[in-house]
C-alpha atoms as a PDB file:
ATOM      1  CA  MET A   1     -11.962  10.756  -3.759  1.00  0.00           C
ATOM      2  CA  SER A   2      -9.867  10.957  -6.906  1.00  0.00           C
ATOM      3  CA  GLU A   3      -7.268   8.291  -7.677  1.00  0.00           C
ATOM      4  CA  LYS A   4      -4.489  10.898  -7.334  1.00  0.00           C
ATOM      5  CA  ILE A   5      -5.584  11.844  -3.827  1.00  0.00           C
ATOM      6  CA  SER A   6      -6.080   8.187  -2.958  1.00  0.00           C
ATOM      7  CA  ARG A   7      -2.554   7.272  -4.098  1.00  0.00           C
ATOM      8  CA  ASP A   8      -1.138  10.206  -2.170  1.00  0.00           C
ATOM      9  CA  SER A   9      -2.682   8.900   1.036  1.00  0.00           C
ATOM     10  CA  TRP A  10      -1.469   5.310   0.684  1.00  0.00           C
ATOM     11  CA  ALA A  11       0.295   4.251   3.853  1.00  0.00           C
ATOM     12  CA  THR A  12       3.667   2.597   4.249  1.00  0.00           C
ATOM     13  CA  PRO A  13       3.343  -1.006   5.438  1.00  0.00           C
ATOM     14  CA  LEU A  14       4.403  -1.149   9.086  1.00  0.00           C
ATOM     15  CA  PRO A  15       7.079  -3.842   8.483  1.00  0.00           C
ATOM     16  CA  VAL A  16       8.827  -1.533   5.970  1.00  0.00           C
ATOM     17  CA  TYR A  17       8.819   1.306   8.472  1.00  0.00           C
ATOM     18  CA  MET A  18       9.941  -0.942  11.348  1.00  0.00           C
ATOM     19  CA  ALA A  19      12.920  -2.248   9.367  1.00  0.00           C
ATOM     20  CA  MET A  20      14.055   1.315   8.680  1.00  0.00           C
ATOM     21  CA  GLU A  21      13.235   2.480  12.237  1.00  0.00           C
ATOM     22  CA  ALA A  22      15.505  -0.217  13.646  1.00  0.00           C
ATOM     23  CA  GLU A  23      18.369   1.192  11.625  1.00  0.00           C
ATOM     24  CA  PHE A  24      17.751   4.948  11.925  1.00  0.00           C
ATOM     25  CA  ASP A  25      15.816   5.374  15.221  1.00  0.00           C
ATOM     26  CA  PHE A  26      13.486   8.073  13.881  1.00  0.00           C
ATOM     27  CA  ALA A  27      12.616  11.131  15.947  1.00  0.00           C
ATOM     28  CA  ALA A  28       9.400  11.872  13.988  1.00  0.00           C
ATOM     29  CA  ASP A  29       7.299  11.190  10.895  1.00  0.00           C
ATOM     30  CA  ILE A  30       7.219  14.476   8.985  1.00  0.00           C
ATOM     31  CA  CYS A  31       4.675  13.608   6.285  1.00  0.00           C
ATOM     32  CA  ALA A  32       1.740  11.841   7.878  1.00  0.00           C
ATOM     33  CA  SER A  33      -1.939  11.953   8.587  1.00  0.00           C
ATOM     34  CA  ASP A  34      -3.772  10.884  11.719  1.00  0.00           C
ATOM     35  CA  ARG A  35      -4.622   7.626   9.886  1.00  0.00           C
ATOM     36  CA  ASN A  36      -1.198   6.704   8.514  1.00  0.00           C
ATOM     37  CA  ALA A  37       1.413   8.063  10.955  1.00  0.00           C
ATOM     38  CA  LYS A  38       4.162   5.594  11.721  1.00  0.00           C
ATOM     39  CA  HIS A  39       5.844   7.409  14.622  1.00  0.00           C
ATOM     40  CA  PRO A  40       4.152   8.719  17.787  1.00  0.00           C
ATOM     41  CA  ILE A  41       5.505  12.186  16.920  1.00  0.00           C
ATOM     42  CA  TYR A  42       4.247  13.188  13.501  1.00  0.00           C
ATOM     43  CA  LEU A  43       3.351  16.180  11.376  1.00  0.00           C
ATOM     44  CA  THR A  44       0.245  16.348   9.199  1.00  0.00           C
ATOM     45  CA  GLU A  45      -0.702  18.550   6.283  1.00  0.00           C
ATOM     46  CA  ALA A  46      -2.178  20.998   8.805  1.00  0.00           C
ATOM     47  CA  ASP A  47       1.256  21.354  10.436  1.00  0.00           C
ATOM     48  CA  ASP A  48       2.633  22.558   7.078  1.00  0.00           C
ATOM     49  CA  THR A  49       5.955  20.727   7.175  1.00  0.00           C
ATOM     50  CA  LEU A  50       7.045  22.386   3.940  1.00  0.00           C
ATOM     51  CA  ASN A  51       6.915  25.853   5.527  1.00  0.00           C
ATOM     52  CA  HIS A  52      10.432  27.084   6.367  1.00  0.00           C
ATOM     53  CA  GLU A  53       9.331  28.273   9.836  1.00  0.00           C
ATOM     54  CA  THR A  54       7.950  24.807  10.600  1.00  0.00           C
ATOM     55  CA  LEU A  55      11.256  23.255   9.536  1.00  0.00           C
ATOM     56  CA  GLN A  56      13.146  25.666  11.797  1.00  0.00           C
ATOM     57  CA  ARG A  57      10.870  24.870  14.762  1.00  0.00           C
ATOM     58  CA  MET A  58      11.329  21.173  14.105  1.00  0.00           C
ATOM     59  CA  ALA A  59      15.106  21.608  14.017  1.00  0.00           C
ATOM     60  CA  GLY A  60      14.863  23.307  17.410  1.00  0.00           C
ATOM     61  CA  LEU A  61      12.976  20.353  18.891  1.00  0.00           C
ATOM     62  CA  ILE A  62      14.906  17.453  17.363  1.00  0.00           C
ATOM     63  CA  PRO A  63      18.519  17.116  18.507  1.00  0.00           C
ATOM     64  CA  ALA A  64      21.073  17.390  15.722  1.00  0.00           C
ATOM     65  CA  GLY A  65      22.230  14.065  14.358  1.00  0.00           C
ATOM     66  CA  ASN A  66      18.790  12.432  14.486  1.00  0.00           C
ATOM     67  CA  TYR A  67      16.729  11.178  11.546  1.00  0.00           C
ATOM     68  CA  VAL A  68      13.089  11.680  10.593  1.00  0.00           C
ATOM     69  CA  TRP A  69      10.886   9.492   8.396  1.00  0.00           C
ATOM     70  CA  CYS A  70       9.214  10.838   5.246  1.00  0.00           C
ATOM     71  CA  ASN A  71       6.929   9.056   2.776  1.00  0.00           C
ATOM     72  CA  PRO A  72       5.746  12.036   0.701  1.00  0.00           C
ATOM     73  CA  PRO A  73       2.730  12.159  -1.601  1.00  0.00           C
ATOM     74  CA  TYR A  74       3.931  10.652  -4.853  1.00  0.00           C
ATOM     75  CA  SER A  75       2.159  13.319  -6.938  1.00  0.00           C
ATOM     76  CA  ASP A  76       4.448  16.064  -5.575  1.00  0.00           C
ATOM     77  CA  ILE A  77       7.787  14.742  -4.286  1.00  0.00           C
ATOM     78  CA  GLY A  78       9.941  17.730  -5.306  1.00  0.00           C
ATOM     79  CA  PRO A  79       9.086  20.042  -2.381  1.00  0.00           C
ATOM     80  CA  TRP A  80       9.789  17.197   0.057  1.00  0.00           C
ATOM     81  CA  VAL A  81      13.258  16.677  -1.425  1.00  0.00           C
ATOM     82  CA  THR A  82      13.851  20.405  -0.893  1.00  0.00           C
ATOM     83  CA  ALA A  83      12.638  20.103   2.726  1.00  0.00           C
ATOM     84  CA  ALA A  84      14.992  17.137   3.278  1.00  0.00           C
ATOM     85  CA  ILE A  85      17.902  19.239   2.028  1.00  0.00           C
ATOM     86  CA  VAL A  86      16.925  22.110   4.348  1.00  0.00           C
ATOM     87  CA  LEU A  87      16.657  19.736   7.324  1.00  0.00           C
ATOM     88  CA  GLN A  88      19.985  18.150   6.421  1.00  0.00           C
ATOM     89  CA  ASP A  89      21.530  21.632   6.465  1.00  0.00           C
ATOM     90  CA  MET A  90      20.078  22.028   9.990  1.00  0.00           C
ATOM     91  CA  GLY A  91      21.675  18.767  11.160  1.00  0.00           C
ATOM     92  CA  ILE A  92      18.625  16.502  10.837  1.00  0.00           C
ATOM     93  CA  GLY A  93      18.755  13.445   8.612  1.00  0.00           C
ATOM     94  CA  VAL A  94      15.824  12.323   6.505  1.00  0.00           C
ATOM     95  CA  VAL A  95      14.973   8.852   5.229  1.00  0.00           C
ATOM     96  CA  MET A  96      12.548   9.277   2.373  1.00  0.00           C
ATOM     97  CA  LEU A  97      10.562   6.509   0.668  1.00  0.00           C
ATOM     98  CA  VAL A  98       9.798   7.467  -2.935  1.00  0.00           C
ATOM     99  CA  MET A  99       9.015   5.897  -6.279  1.00  0.00           C
ATOM    100  CA  ALA A 100      12.001   4.809  -8.336  1.00  0.00           C
ATOM    101  CA  ASP A 101      11.921   7.292 -11.218  1.00  0.00           C
ATOM    102  CA  ASN A 102      15.271   8.722 -12.248  1.00  0.00           C
ATOM    103  CA  SER A 103      13.732  10.674 -15.146  1.00  0.00           C
ATOM    104  CA  VAL A 104      12.397  13.520 -12.978  1.00  0.00           C
ATOM    105  CA  GLY A 105      14.044  16.661 -11.614  1.00  0.00           C
ATOM    106  CA  TRP A 106      13.499  15.886  -7.918  1.00  0.00           C
ATOM    107  CA  TYR A 107      15.492  12.652  -8.336  1.00  0.00           C
ATOM    108  CA  ALA A 108      18.487  14.523  -9.759  1.00  0.00           C
ATOM    109  CA  LYS A 109      18.236  17.088  -6.954  1.00  0.00           C
ATOM    110  CA  ALA A 110      18.118  14.371  -4.287  1.00  0.00           C
ATOM    111  CA  ILE A 111      21.194  12.691  -5.790  1.00  0.00           C
ATOM    112  CA  GLU A 112      23.122  15.940  -5.297  1.00  0.00           C
ATOM    113  CA  PHE A 113      22.577  15.911  -1.513  1.00  0.00           C
ATOM    114  CA  CYS A 114      21.705  12.430  -0.258  1.00  0.00           C
ATOM    115  CA  GLN A 115      24.229  10.027   1.219  1.00  0.00           C
ATOM    116  CA  GLU A 116      22.586   6.842  -0.020  1.00  0.00           C
ATOM    117  CA  VAL A 117      20.130   5.604  -2.625  1.00  0.00           C
ATOM    118  CA  ARG A 118      18.707   2.273  -1.433  1.00  0.00           C
ATOM    119  CA  GLU A 119      16.700   0.541  -4.131  1.00  0.00           C
ATOM    120  CA  VAL A 120      14.021  -2.009  -3.297  1.00  0.00           C
ATOM    121  CA  ILE A 121      14.504  -4.951  -5.649  1.00  0.00           C
ATOM    122  CA  LYS A 122      12.744  -8.237  -6.405  1.00  0.00           C
ATOM    123  CA  GLY A 123       9.245  -6.893  -5.923  1.00  0.00           C
ATOM    124  CA  ARG A 124       7.246  -3.753  -5.303  1.00  0.00           C
ATOM    125  CA  ILE A 125       6.081  -2.494  -1.947  1.00  0.00           C
ATOM    126  CA  SER A 126       2.338  -2.985  -1.529  1.00  0.00           C
ATOM    127  CA  PHE A 127       1.163   0.218   0.108  1.00  0.00           C
ATOM    128  CA  LEU A 128      -1.928   0.233   2.290  1.00  0.00           C
ATOM    129  CA  GLU A 129      -5.281   1.938   1.971  1.00  0.00           C
ATOM    130  CA  PRO A 130      -5.379   4.120   5.104  1.00  0.00           C
ATOM    131  CA  GLU A 131      -9.074   3.541   5.860  1.00  0.00           C
ATOM    132  CA  THR A 132      -8.970  -0.262   5.712  1.00  0.00           C
ATOM    133  CA  GLY A 133      -5.265  -1.034   6.192  1.00  0.00           C
ATOM    134  CA  LYS A 134      -5.488  -3.471   3.285  1.00  0.00           C
ATOM    135  CA  PRO A 135      -2.897  -3.588   0.480  1.00  0.00           C
ATOM    136  CA  VAL A 136      -3.842  -1.654  -2.652  1.00  0.00           C
ATOM    137  CA  SER A 137      -2.972  -2.580  -6.194  1.00  0.00           C
ATOM    138  CA  GLY A 138      -1.725  -0.093  -8.726  1.00  0.00           C
ATOM    139  CA  ASN A 139       1.816   0.589  -7.555  1.00  0.00           C
ATOM    140  CA  ASN A 140       3.249   0.597 -11.071  1.00  0.00           C
ATOM    141  CA  LYS A 141       6.784   1.684 -10.133  1.00  0.00           C
ATOM    142  CA  GLY A 142       9.396   0.305  -7.838  1.00  0.00           C
ATOM    143  CA  SER A 143      10.450   2.097  -4.662  1.00  0.00           C
ATOM    144  CA  LEU A 144      13.656   3.420  -3.197  1.00  0.00           C
ATOM    145  CA  PHE A 145      14.888   5.212  -0.121  1.00  0.00           C
ATOM    146  CA  PHE A 146      16.906   8.411  -0.198  1.00  0.00           C
ATOM    147  CA  VAL A 147      19.008   8.743   2.939  1.00  0.00           C
ATOM    148  CA  PHE A 148      19.971  12.333   3.704  1.00  0.00           C
ATOM    149  CA  ASP A 149      22.692  12.133   6.348  1.00  0.00           C
ATOM    150  CA  PRO A 150      22.325  14.724   9.146  1.00  0.00           C
ATOM    151  CA  TYR A 151      25.992  15.662   8.771  1.00  0.00           C
ATOM    152  CA  GLY A 152      25.763  16.380   5.060  1.00  0.00           C
ATOM    153  CA  ARG A 153      27.274  14.519   2.197  1.00  0.00           C
ATOM    154  CA  GLN A 154      30.912  13.573   2.390  1.00  0.00           C
ATOM    155  CA  GLN A 155      31.003  11.620  -0.880  1.00  0.00           C
ATOM    156  CA  LEU A 156      28.893  10.660  -3.854  1.00  0.00           C
ATOM    157  CA  PRO A 157      25.816   8.733  -2.737  1.00  0.00           C
ATOM    158  CA  ARG A 158      26.215   5.026  -2.126  1.00  0.00           C
ATOM    159  CA  ARG A 159      23.944   2.793  -4.138  1.00  0.00           C
ATOM    160  CA  THR A 160      22.655  -0.138  -2.164  1.00  0.00           C
ATOM    161  CA  TYR A 161      19.906  -2.673  -2.697  1.00  0.00           C
ATOM    162  CA  VAL A 162      17.442  -4.424  -0.437  1.00  0.00           C
ATOM    163  CA  GLU A 163      15.123  -7.211  -1.494  1.00  0.00           C
ATOM    164  CA  ARG A 164      11.506  -6.393  -0.767  1.00  0.00           C
ATOM    165  CA  ASP A 165      10.826  -9.710   0.956  1.00  0.00           C
ATOM    166  CA  ALA A 166      13.941  -9.395   3.149  1.00  0.00           C
ATOM    167  CA  LEU A 167      12.909  -5.852   4.135  1.00  0.00           C
ATOM    168  CA  MET A 168       9.392  -7.024   5.003  1.00  0.00           C
ATOM    169  CA  ALA A 169      10.679 -10.067   6.915  1.00  0.00           C
ATOM    170  CA  LYS A 170      13.073  -7.943   8.970  1.00  0.00           C
ATOM    171  CA  GLY A 171      10.291  -5.509   9.880  1.00  0.00           C
ATOM    172  CA  GLN A 172       7.832  -8.303  10.651  1.00  0.00           C
ATOM    173  CA  ALA A 173      10.351 -10.006  12.958  1.00  0.00           C
ATOM    174  CA  LEU A 174      10.865  -6.717  14.800  1.00  0.00           C
ATOM    175  CA  MET A 175       7.108  -6.309  15.207  1.00  0.00           C
ATOM    176  CA  GLU A 176       6.859  -9.763  16.795  1.00  0.00           C
ATOM    177  CA  GLN A 177       9.564  -9.124  19.400  1.00  0.00           C
ATOM    178  CA  PRO A 178       8.253  -8.416  22.887  1.00  0.00           C
ATOM    179  CA  VAL A 179       8.622  -4.827  23.987  1.00  0.00           C
ATOM    180  CA  LEU A 180      10.725  -4.492  27.112  1.00  0.00           C
ATOM    181  CA  LEU A 181       9.624  -1.234  28.670  1.00  0.00           C
ATOM    182  CA  PHE A 182      11.900  -1.520  31.670  1.00  0.00           C
ATOM    183  CA  GLN A 183      14.800  -3.424  30.170  1.00  0.00           C
ATOM    184  CA  GLU A 184      17.469  -1.823  32.395  1.00  0.00           C
ATOM    185  CA  ALA A 185      15.465  -2.456  35.573  1.00  0.00           C
ATOM    186  CA  THR A 186      14.829  -6.051  34.537  1.00  0.00           C
ATOM    187  CA  CYS A 187      18.515  -6.669  33.844  1.00  0.00           C
ATOM    188  CA  ALA A 188      19.589  -4.993  37.099  1.00  0.00           C
ATOM    189  CA  ALA A 189      17.105  -7.009  39.144  1.00  0.00           C
ATOM    190  CA  GLY A 190      18.230 -10.327  37.616  1.00  0.00           C
END
């Protein structure tokens, strides 16, 4: 497997995803594989997320106002920014984890439509090798999140910052909380 393909398949660490999930309550993971999906509902390369018909079908299945997660292959982020803009126009928000590189065209395009640029500071995210789940070295750029609001952009994008360790700690704490499957029934019975 070439290094380019390998980097494109690196998985988001679960604590990073969980921290963002807690905030955005994702309806799906739109750029996944069977090995690295973060949400129970996910689309793989075979589902062809970048196809306009797929985006329209997805918009028909996900209620307007919801968000989806997207960690696109870093070798070709541009089409995913375009897909996020299309979904945003259909009333679906997208939270996209990308490399911090403001010198490329897809970054400028994202800035035109996103609501927020959230930069990860004080460290780089250590992505995971999907086969082993172990952190990989070689992430030579920082990371950021583009937040495409499902209701469009009402103002210039906010610039916010999150420390990598705080993001990881928040996600880890969420992973360690017990899952209450029948929370309402438990509260009503007590």
